[in-house]
Amino acid sequence: MDEYAGGISTNYMTNGVLLNRGLELLAMLKEDMPHMGAEDLHHLQRTWELNHRLLASESVTHHTLFRYDRDTGKWAMEKAPVHHIID
């Protein structure tokens, strides 16, 4: 994540090529996750945490790719209304 999604080692800089490469690597890890095993409850917890980190990393990378303007190199954010579907 640090190298491909713009962490401290890259001075928080990234681009579409790096983000897409990061997604490719995350996809390989995601492919391996169903085959993970654990010898005890501690390792099971660590494996479950790894699964959650994988999901969070994929979400952050997609989000960064979505909001990065490759032409200007600027970031954009906007507020959207919340629609409550359950009262």
PDB file of N, CA and C in Angstrom:
ATOM      1  N   MET A   1       0.829  -1.183   0.000  1.00  0.00           N
ATOM      2  CA  MET A   1       0.000   0.000   0.000  1.00  0.00           C
ATOM      3  C   MET A   1       0.869   1.240   0.000  1.00  0.00           C
ATOM      4  N   ASP A   2       1.941   1.230   0.747  1.00  0.00           N
ATOM      5  CA  ASP A   2       2.792   2.407   0.851  1.00  0.00           C
ATOM      6  C   ASP A   2       3.369   2.785  -0.509  1.00  0.00           C
ATOM      7  N   GLU A   3       3.852   1.796  -1.227  1.00  0.00           N
ATOM      8  CA  GLU A   3       4.495   2.058  -2.515  1.00  0.00           C
ATOM      9  C   GLU A   3       3.493   2.368  -3.623  1.00  0.00           C
ATOM     10  N   TYR A   4       2.385   1.656  -3.666  1.00  0.00           N
ATOM     11  CA  TYR A   4       1.463   1.764  -4.793  1.00  0.00           C
ATOM     12  C   TYR A   4       0.320   2.750  -4.581  1.00  0.00           C
ATOM     13  N   ALA A   5      -0.080   2.963  -3.331  1.00  0.00           N
ATOM     14  CA  ALA A   5      -1.216   3.842  -3.069  1.00  0.00           C
ATOM     15  C   ALA A   5      -0.810   5.185  -2.486  1.00  0.00           C
ATOM     16  N   GLY A   6       0.484   5.490  -2.526  1.00  0.00           N
ATOM     17  CA  GLY A   6       0.941   6.810  -2.119  1.00  0.00           C
ATOM     18  C   GLY A   6       1.142   6.983  -0.637  1.00  0.00           C
ATOM     19  N   GLY A   7       2.043   6.234  -0.060  1.00  0.00           N
ATOM     20  CA  GLY A   7       2.328   6.347   1.362  1.00  0.00           C
ATOM     21  C   GLY A   7       3.549   7.208   1.630  1.00  0.00           C
ATOM     22  N   ILE A   8       4.066   7.101   2.845  1.00  0.00           N
ATOM     23  CA  ILE A   8       5.167   7.958   3.267  1.00  0.00           C
ATOM     24  C   ILE A   8       6.438   7.723   2.451  1.00  0.00           C
ATOM     25  N   SER A   9       6.695   6.488   2.035  1.00  0.00           N
ATOM     26  CA  SER A   9       7.927   6.207   1.287  1.00  0.00           C
ATOM     27  C   SER A   9       7.934   6.853  -0.095  1.00  0.00           C
ATOM     28  N   THR A  10       6.751   7.190  -0.622  1.00  0.00           N
ATOM     29  CA  THR A  10       6.668   7.864  -1.922  1.00  0.00           C
ATOM     30  C   THR A  10       6.264   9.328  -1.761  1.00  0.00           C
ATOM     31  N   ASN A  11       6.433   9.831  -0.516  1.00  0.00           N
ATOM     32  CA  ASN A  11       6.074  11.220  -0.210  1.00  0.00           C
ATOM     33  C   ASN A  11       4.612  11.505  -0.542  1.00  0.00           C
ATOM     34  N   TYR A  12       3.768  10.506  -0.324  1.00  0.00           N
ATOM     35  CA  TYR A  12       2.307  10.598  -0.535  1.00  0.00           C
ATOM     36  C   TYR A  12       1.934  10.921  -1.979  1.00  0.00           C
ATOM     37  N   MET A  13       2.770  10.505  -2.895  1.00  0.00           N
ATOM     38  CA  MET A  13       2.496  10.709  -4.322  1.00  0.00           C
ATOM     39  C   MET A  13       2.145   9.369  -4.952  1.00  0.00           C
ATOM     40  N   THR A  14       1.226   9.397  -5.894  1.00  0.00           N
ATOM     41  CA  THR A  14       0.863   8.188  -6.623  1.00  0.00           C
ATOM     42  C   THR A  14       0.332   8.582  -7.988  1.00  0.00           C
ATOM     43  N   ASN A  15       0.038   7.608  -8.812  1.00  0.00           N
ATOM     44  CA  ASN A  15      -0.545   7.876 -10.125  1.00  0.00           C
ATOM     45  C   ASN A  15      -1.362   6.661 -10.545  1.00  0.00           C
ATOM     46  N   GLY A  16      -2.033   6.775 -11.664  1.00  0.00           N
ATOM     47  CA  GLY A  16      -2.901   5.704 -12.126  1.00  0.00           C
ATOM     48  C   GLY A  16      -2.179   4.394 -12.360  1.00  0.00           C
ATOM     49  N   VAL A  17      -0.970   4.462 -12.871  1.00  0.00           N
ATOM     50  CA  VAL A  17      -0.207   3.239 -13.148  1.00  0.00           C
ATOM     51  C   VAL A  17       0.087   2.496 -11.846  1.00  0.00           C
ATOM     52  N   LEU A  18       0.559   3.227 -10.840  1.00  0.00           N
ATOM     53  CA  LEU A  18       0.871   2.597  -9.559  1.00  0.00           C
ATOM     54  C   LEU A  18      -0.389   2.071  -8.870  1.00  0.00           C
ATOM     55  N   LEU A  19      -1.452   2.839  -8.918  1.00  0.00           N
ATOM     56  CA  LEU A  19      -2.694   2.408  -8.289  1.00  0.00           C
ATOM     57  C   LEU A  19      -3.232   1.137  -8.947  1.00  0.00           C
ATOM     58  N   ASN A  20      -3.189   1.082 -10.259  1.00  0.00           N
ATOM     59  CA  ASN A  20      -3.664  -0.118 -10.964  1.00  0.00           C
ATOM     60  C   ASN A  20      -2.769  -1.315 -10.688  1.00  0.00           C
ATOM     61  N   ARG A  21      -1.459  -1.083 -10.574  1.00  0.00           N
ATOM     62  CA  ARG A  21      -0.549  -2.188 -10.225  1.00  0.00           C
ATOM     63  C   ARG A  21      -0.851  -2.680  -8.808  1.00  0.00           C
ATOM     64  N   GLY A  22      -1.121  -1.758  -7.916  1.00  0.00           N
ATOM     65  CA  GLY A  22      -1.499  -2.142  -6.560  1.00  0.00           C
ATOM     66  C   GLY A  22      -2.749  -2.996  -6.548  1.00  0.00           C
ATOM     67  N   LEU A  23      -3.727  -2.634  -7.369  1.00  0.00           N
ATOM     68  CA  LEU A  23      -4.954  -3.431  -7.454  1.00  0.00           C
ATOM     69  C   LEU A  23      -4.676  -4.825  -8.000  1.00  0.00           C
ATOM     70  N   GLU A  24      -3.750  -4.933  -8.943  1.00  0.00           N
ATOM     71  CA  GLU A  24      -3.370  -6.252  -9.470  1.00  0.00           C
ATOM     72  C   GLU A  24      -2.771  -7.118  -8.365  1.00  0.00           C
ATOM     73  N   LEU A  25      -1.884  -6.529  -7.568  1.00  0.00           N
ATOM     74  CA  LEU A  25      -1.249  -7.281  -6.483  1.00  0.00           C
ATOM     75  C   LEU A  25      -2.252  -7.654  -5.397  1.00  0.00           C
ATOM     76  N   LEU A  26      -3.159  -6.744  -5.097  1.00  0.00           N
ATOM     77  CA  LEU A  26      -4.203  -7.045  -4.122  1.00  0.00           C
ATOM     78  C   LEU A  26      -5.103  -8.170  -4.627  1.00  0.00           C
ATOM     79  N   ALA A  27      -5.364  -8.207  -5.928  1.00  0.00           N
ATOM     80  CA  ALA A  27      -6.187  -9.279  -6.502  1.00  0.00           C
ATOM     81  C   ALA A  27      -5.506 -10.634  -6.321  1.00  0.00           C
ATOM     82  N   MET A  28      -4.181 -10.675  -6.454  1.00  0.00           N
ATOM     83  CA  MET A  28      -3.459 -11.935  -6.239  1.00  0.00           C
ATOM     84  C   MET A  28      -3.580 -12.385  -4.784  1.00  0.00           C
ATOM     85  N   LEU A  29      -3.453 -11.435  -3.868  1.00  0.00           N
ATOM     86  CA  LEU A  29      -3.592 -11.761  -2.453  1.00  0.00           C
ATOM     87  C   LEU A  29      -5.021 -12.217  -2.148  1.00  0.00           C
ATOM     88  N   LYS A  30      -5.978 -11.537  -2.749  1.00  0.00           N
ATOM     89  CA  LYS A  30      -7.388 -11.889  -2.548  1.00  0.00           C
ATOM     90  C   LYS A  30      -7.659 -13.312  -3.047  1.00  0.00           C
ATOM     91  N   GLU A  31      -7.012 -13.690  -4.113  1.00  0.00           N
ATOM     92  CA  GLU A  31      -7.152 -15.045  -4.664  1.00  0.00           C
ATOM     93  C   GLU A  31      -6.636 -16.102  -3.690  1.00  0.00           C
ATOM     94  N   ASP A  32      -5.600 -15.749  -2.935  1.00  0.00           N
ATOM     95  CA  ASP A  32      -5.000 -16.691  -1.989  1.00  0.00           C
ATOM     96  C   ASP A  32      -5.738 -16.776  -0.653  1.00  0.00           C
ATOM     97  N   MET A  33      -6.519 -15.775  -0.327  1.00  0.00           N
ATOM     98  CA  MET A  33      -7.151 -15.724   1.000  1.00  0.00           C
ATOM     99  C   MET A  33      -8.021 -16.935   1.333  1.00  0.00           C
ATOM    100  N   PRO A  34      -8.811 -17.479   0.404  1.00  0.00           N
ATOM    101  CA  PRO A  34      -9.630 -18.641   0.775  1.00  0.00           C
ATOM    102  C   PRO A  34      -8.808 -19.873   1.160  1.00  0.00           C
ATOM    103  N   HIS A  35      -7.524 -19.873   0.847  1.00  0.00           N
ATOM    104  CA  HIS A  35      -6.673 -21.025   1.125  1.00  0.00           C
ATOM    105  C   HIS A  35      -5.841 -20.839   2.394  1.00  0.00           C
ATOM    106  N   MET A  36      -6.069 -19.743   3.099  1.00  0.00           N
ATOM    107  CA  MET A  36      -5.324 -19.478   4.331  1.00  0.00           C
ATOM    108  C   MET A  36      -5.783 -20.424   5.422  1.00  0.00           C
ATOM    109  N   GLY A  37      -4.869 -20.756   6.297  1.00  0.00           N
ATOM    110  CA  GLY A  37      -5.202 -21.627   7.412  1.00  0.00           C
ATOM    111  C   GLY A  37      -4.618 -21.074   8.700  1.00  0.00           C
ATOM    112  N   ALA A  38      -5.004 -21.660   9.810  1.00  0.00           N
ATOM    113  CA  ALA A  38      -4.520 -21.216  11.111  1.00  0.00           C
ATOM    114  C   ALA A  38      -4.354 -22.422  12.024  1.00  0.00           C
ATOM    115  N   GLU A  39      -3.285 -22.404  12.801  1.00  0.00           N
ATOM    116  CA  GLU A  39      -3.039 -23.536  13.700  1.00  0.00           C
ATOM    117  C   GLU A  39      -3.668 -23.341  15.074  1.00  0.00           C
ATOM    118  N   ASP A  40      -4.042 -22.118  15.385  1.00  0.00           N
ATOM    119  CA  ASP A  40      -4.704 -21.868  16.668  1.00  0.00           C
ATOM    120  C   ASP A  40      -5.568 -20.615  16.543  1.00  0.00           C
ATOM    121  N   LEU A  41      -6.253 -20.255  17.626  1.00  0.00           N
ATOM    122  CA  LEU A  41      -7.159 -19.107  17.592  1.00  0.00           C
ATOM    123  C   LEU A  41      -6.423 -17.794  17.339  1.00  0.00           C
ATOM    124  N   HIS A  42      -5.209 -17.679  17.847  1.00  0.00           N
ATOM    125  CA  HIS A  42      -4.436 -16.459  17.628  1.00  0.00           C
ATOM    126  C   HIS A  42      -4.157 -16.268  16.133  1.00  0.00           C
ATOM    127  N   HIS A  43      -3.720 -17.309  15.469  1.00  0.00           N
ATOM    128  CA  HIS A  43      -3.440 -17.216  14.037  1.00  0.00           C
ATOM    129  C   HIS A  43      -4.726 -17.048  13.229  1.00  0.00           C
ATOM    130  N   LEU A  44      -5.805 -17.622  13.712  1.00  0.00           N
ATOM    131  CA  LEU A  44      -7.085 -17.436  13.047  1.00  0.00           C
ATOM    132  C   LEU A  44      -7.495 -15.961  13.099  1.00  0.00           C
ATOM    133  N   GLN A  45      -7.294 -15.342  14.263  1.00  0.00           N
ATOM    134  CA  GLN A  45      -7.606 -13.922  14.397  1.00  0.00           C
ATOM    135  C   GLN A  45      -6.736 -13.091  13.467  1.00  0.00           C
ATOM    136  N   ARG A  46      -5.450 -13.404  13.394  1.00  0.00           N
ATOM    137  CA  ARG A  46      -4.543 -12.660  12.506  1.00  0.00           C
ATOM    138  C   ARG A  46      -4.922 -12.850  11.035  1.00  0.00           C
ATOM    139  N   THR A  47      -5.355 -14.039  10.667  1.00  0.00           N
ATOM    140  CA  THR A  47      -5.792 -14.292   9.295  1.00  0.00           C
ATOM    141  C   THR A  47      -7.054 -13.503   8.987  1.00  0.00           C
ATOM    142  N   TRP A  48      -7.974 -13.453   9.935  1.00  0.00           N
ATOM    143  CA  TRP A  48      -9.203 -12.689   9.751  1.00  0.00           C
ATOM    144  C   TRP A  48      -8.894 -11.198   9.620  1.00  0.00           C
ATOM    145  N   GLU A  49      -7.946 -10.696  10.432  1.00  0.00           N
ATOM    146  CA  GLU A  49      -7.533  -9.302  10.338  1.00  0.00           C
ATOM    147  C   GLU A  49      -6.890  -9.012   8.984  1.00  0.00           C
ATOM    148  N   LEU A  50      -6.118  -9.958   8.475  1.00  0.00           N
ATOM    149  CA  LEU A  50      -5.519  -9.799   7.153  1.00  0.00           C
ATOM    150  C   LEU A  50      -6.595  -9.675   6.085  1.00  0.00           C
ATOM    151  N   ASN A  51      -7.644 -10.453   6.213  1.00  0.00           N
ATOM    152  CA  ASN A  51      -8.758 -10.381   5.270  1.00  0.00           C
ATOM    153  C   ASN A  51      -9.406  -8.989   5.313  1.00  0.00           C
ATOM    154  N   HIS A  52      -9.573  -8.455   6.500  1.00  0.00           N
ATOM    155  CA  HIS A  52     -10.156  -7.118   6.639  1.00  0.00           C
ATOM    156  C   HIS A  52      -9.221  -6.049   6.079  1.00  0.00           C
ATOM    157  N   ARG A  53      -7.925  -6.189   6.315  1.00  0.00           N
ATOM    158  CA  ARG A  53      -6.949  -5.233   5.772  1.00  0.00           C
ATOM    159  C   ARG A  53      -6.944  -5.272   4.253  1.00  0.00           C
ATOM    160  N   LEU A  54      -7.102  -6.452   3.702  1.00  0.00           N
ATOM    161  CA  LEU A  54      -7.166  -6.584   2.253  1.00  0.00           C
ATOM    162  C   LEU A  54      -8.360  -5.820   1.697  1.00  0.00           C
ATOM    163  N   LEU A  55      -9.509  -5.973   2.326  1.00  0.00           N
ATOM    164  CA  LEU A  55     -10.712  -5.260   1.896  1.00  0.00           C
ATOM    165  C   LEU A  55     -10.528  -3.746   2.030  1.00  0.00           C
ATOM    166  N   ALA A  56      -9.957  -3.313   3.150  1.00  0.00           N
ATOM    167  CA  ALA A  56      -9.728  -1.878   3.363  1.00  0.00           C
ATOM    168  C   ALA A  56      -8.731  -1.331   2.340  1.00  0.00           C
ATOM    169  N   SER A  57      -7.688  -2.074   2.061  1.00  0.00           N
ATOM    170  CA  SER A  57      -6.680  -1.636   1.088  1.00  0.00           C
ATOM    171  C   SER A  57      -7.271  -1.514  -0.308  1.00  0.00           C
ATOM    172  N   GLU A  58      -8.073  -2.481  -0.676  1.00  0.00           N
ATOM    173  CA  GLU A  58      -8.715  -2.448  -1.987  1.00  0.00           C
ATOM    174  C   GLU A  58      -9.664  -1.245  -2.080  1.00  0.00           C
ATOM    175  N   SER A  59     -10.398  -0.987  -1.007  1.00  0.00           N
ATOM    176  CA  SER A  59     -11.324   0.144  -0.988  1.00  0.00           C
ATOM    177  C   SER A  59     -10.584   1.470  -1.119  1.00  0.00           C
ATOM    178  N   VAL A  60      -9.507   1.626  -0.357  1.00  0.00           N
ATOM    179  CA  VAL A  60      -8.725   2.866  -0.410  1.00  0.00           C
ATOM    180  C   VAL A  60      -8.123   3.068  -1.801  1.00  0.00           C
ATOM    181  N   THR A  61      -7.615   2.011  -2.399  1.00  0.00           N
ATOM    182  CA  THR A  61      -6.992   2.127  -3.717  1.00  0.00           C
ATOM    183  C   THR A  61      -8.017   2.504  -4.779  1.00  0.00           C
ATOM    184  N   HIS A  62      -9.178   1.865  -4.751  1.00  0.00           N
ATOM    185  CA  HIS A  62     -10.236   2.226  -5.706  1.00  0.00           C
ATOM    186  C   HIS A  62     -10.690   3.667  -5.489  1.00  0.00           C
ATOM    187  N   HIS A  63     -10.821   4.059  -4.239  1.00  0.00           N
ATOM    188  CA  HIS A  63     -11.259   5.418  -3.918  1.00  0.00           C
ATOM    189  C   HIS A  63     -10.247   6.442  -4.421  1.00  0.00           C
ATOM    190  N   THR A  64      -8.969   6.173  -4.192  1.00  0.00           N
ATOM    191  CA  THR A  64      -7.928   7.090  -4.643  1.00  0.00           C
ATOM    192  C   THR A  64      -7.895   7.170  -6.165  1.00  0.00           C
ATOM    193  N   LEU A  65      -8.033   6.042  -6.820  1.00  0.00           N
ATOM    194  CA  LEU A  65      -8.045   6.025  -8.279  1.00  0.00           C
ATOM    195  C   LEU A  65      -9.239   6.800  -8.820  1.00  0.00           C
ATOM    196  N   PHE A  66     -10.359   6.697  -8.144  1.00  0.00           N
ATOM    197  CA  PHE A  66     -11.574   7.379  -8.589  1.00  0.00           C
ATOM    198  C   PHE A  66     -11.448   8.895  -8.492  1.00  0.00           C
ATOM    199  N   ARG A  67     -10.863   9.396  -7.411  1.00  0.00           N
ATOM    200  CA  ARG A  67     -10.877  10.843  -7.205  1.00  0.00           C
ATOM    201  C   ARG A  67      -9.622  11.554  -7.659  1.00  0.00           C
ATOM    202  N   TYR A  68      -8.628  10.839  -8.226  1.00  0.00           N
ATOM    203  CA  TYR A  68      -7.383  11.466  -8.691  1.00  0.00           C
ATOM    204  C   TYR A  68      -7.530  11.945 -10.113  1.00  0.00           C
ATOM    205  N   ASP A  69      -7.311  13.240 -10.330  1.00  0.00           N
ATOM    206  CA  ASP A  69      -7.390  13.812 -11.675  1.00  0.00           C
ATOM    207  C   ASP A  69      -6.016  13.690 -12.334  1.00  0.00           C
ATOM    208  N   ARG A  70      -5.882  12.749 -13.250  1.00  0.00           N
ATOM    209  CA  ARG A  70      -4.576  12.482 -13.850  1.00  0.00           C
ATOM    210  C   ARG A  70      -4.054  13.629 -14.693  1.00  0.00           C
ATOM    211  N   ASP A  71      -4.917  14.496 -15.189  1.00  0.00           N
ATOM    212  CA  ASP A  71      -4.467  15.614 -16.024  1.00  0.00           C
ATOM    213  C   ASP A  71      -3.838  16.732 -15.205  1.00  0.00           C
ATOM    214  N   THR A  72      -4.429  17.042 -14.066  1.00  0.00           N
ATOM    215  CA  THR A  72      -3.923  18.142 -13.248  1.00  0.00           C
ATOM    216  C   THR A  72      -3.141  17.675 -12.033  1.00  0.00           C
ATOM    217  N   GLY A  73      -3.310  16.416 -11.649  1.00  0.00           N
ATOM    218  CA  GLY A  73      -2.650  15.909 -10.452  1.00  0.00           C
ATOM    219  C   GLY A  73      -3.302  16.384  -9.168  1.00  0.00           C
ATOM    220  N   LYS A  74      -4.497  16.939  -9.263  1.00  0.00           N
ATOM    221  CA  LYS A  74      -5.187  17.460  -8.091  1.00  0.00           C
ATOM    222  C   LYS A  74      -6.229  16.466  -7.588  1.00  0.00           C
ATOM    223  N   TRP A  75      -6.560  16.633  -6.326  1.00  0.00           N
ATOM    224  CA  TRP A  75      -7.558  15.795  -5.682  1.00  0.00           C
ATOM    225  C   TRP A  75      -8.850  16.573  -5.565  1.00  0.00           C
ATOM    226  N   ALA A  76      -9.964  15.890  -5.624  1.00  0.00           N
ATOM    227  CA  ALA A  76     -11.273  16.547  -5.474  1.00  0.00           C
ATOM    228  C   ALA A  76     -12.132  15.730  -4.515  1.00  0.00           C
ATOM    229  N   MET A  77     -12.875  16.448  -3.688  1.00  0.00           N
ATOM    230  CA  MET A  77     -13.804  15.791  -2.772  1.00  0.00           C
ATOM    231  C   MET A  77     -15.109  16.557  -2.815  1.00  0.00           C
ATOM    232  N   GLU A  78     -16.174  15.867  -2.530  1.00  0.00           N
ATOM    233  CA  GLU A  78     -17.475  16.523  -2.505  1.00  0.00           C
ATOM    234  C   GLU A  78     -18.336  15.858  -1.450  1.00  0.00           C
ATOM    235  N   LYS A  79     -19.324  16.584  -0.976  1.00  0.00           N
ATOM    236  CA  LYS A  79     -20.271  16.036  -0.028  1.00  0.00           C
ATOM    237  C   LYS A  79     -21.495  15.564  -0.790  1.00  0.00           C
ATOM    238  N   ALA A  80     -22.027  14.461  -0.365  1.00  0.00           N
ATOM    239  CA  ALA A  80     -23.225  13.913  -0.985  1.00  0.00           C
ATOM    240  C   ALA A  80     -24.282  13.739   0.104  1.00  0.00           C
ATOM    241  N   PRO A  81     -25.552  13.879  -0.252  1.00  0.00           N
ATOM    242  CA  PRO A  81     -26.590  13.712   0.766  1.00  0.00           C
ATOM    243  C   PRO A  81     -26.691  12.252   1.216  1.00  0.00           C
ATOM    244  N   VAL A  82     -27.102  12.080   2.460  1.00  0.00           N
ATOM    245  CA  VAL A  82     -27.321  10.748   3.010  1.00  0.00           C
ATOM    246  C   VAL A  82     -28.796  10.400   2.809  1.00  0.00           C
ATOM    247  N   HIS A  83     -29.048   9.256   2.249  1.00  0.00           N
ATOM    248  CA  HIS A  83     -30.414   8.796   2.040  1.00  0.00           C
ATOM    249  C   HIS A  83     -30.673   7.635   3.012  1.00  0.00           C
ATOM    250  N   HIS A  84     -31.535   7.882   3.986  1.00  0.00           N
ATOM    251  CA  HIS A  84     -31.854   6.843   4.967  1.00  0.00           C
ATOM    252  C   HIS A  84     -32.943   5.934   4.364  1.00  0.00           C
ATOM    253  N   ILE A  85     -32.593   4.663   4.207  1.00  0.00           N
ATOM    254  CA  ILE A  85     -33.562   3.740   3.610  1.00  0.00           C
ATOM    255  C   ILE A  85     -34.363   3.009   4.665  1.00  0.00           C
ATOM    256  N   ILE A  86     -33.911   3.127   5.926  1.00  0.00           N
ATOM    257  CA  ILE A  86     -34.645   2.519   7.051  1.00  0.00           C
ATOM    258  C   ILE A  86     -34.860   3.598   8.100  1.00  0.00           C
ATOM    259  N   ASP A  87     -36.085   3.769   8.529  1.00  0.00           N
ATOM    260  CA  ASP A  87     -36.374   4.776   9.573  1.00  0.00           C
ATOM    261  C   ASP A  87     -36.100   4.240  10.947  1.00  0.00           C
TER     262      ASP A  87
END
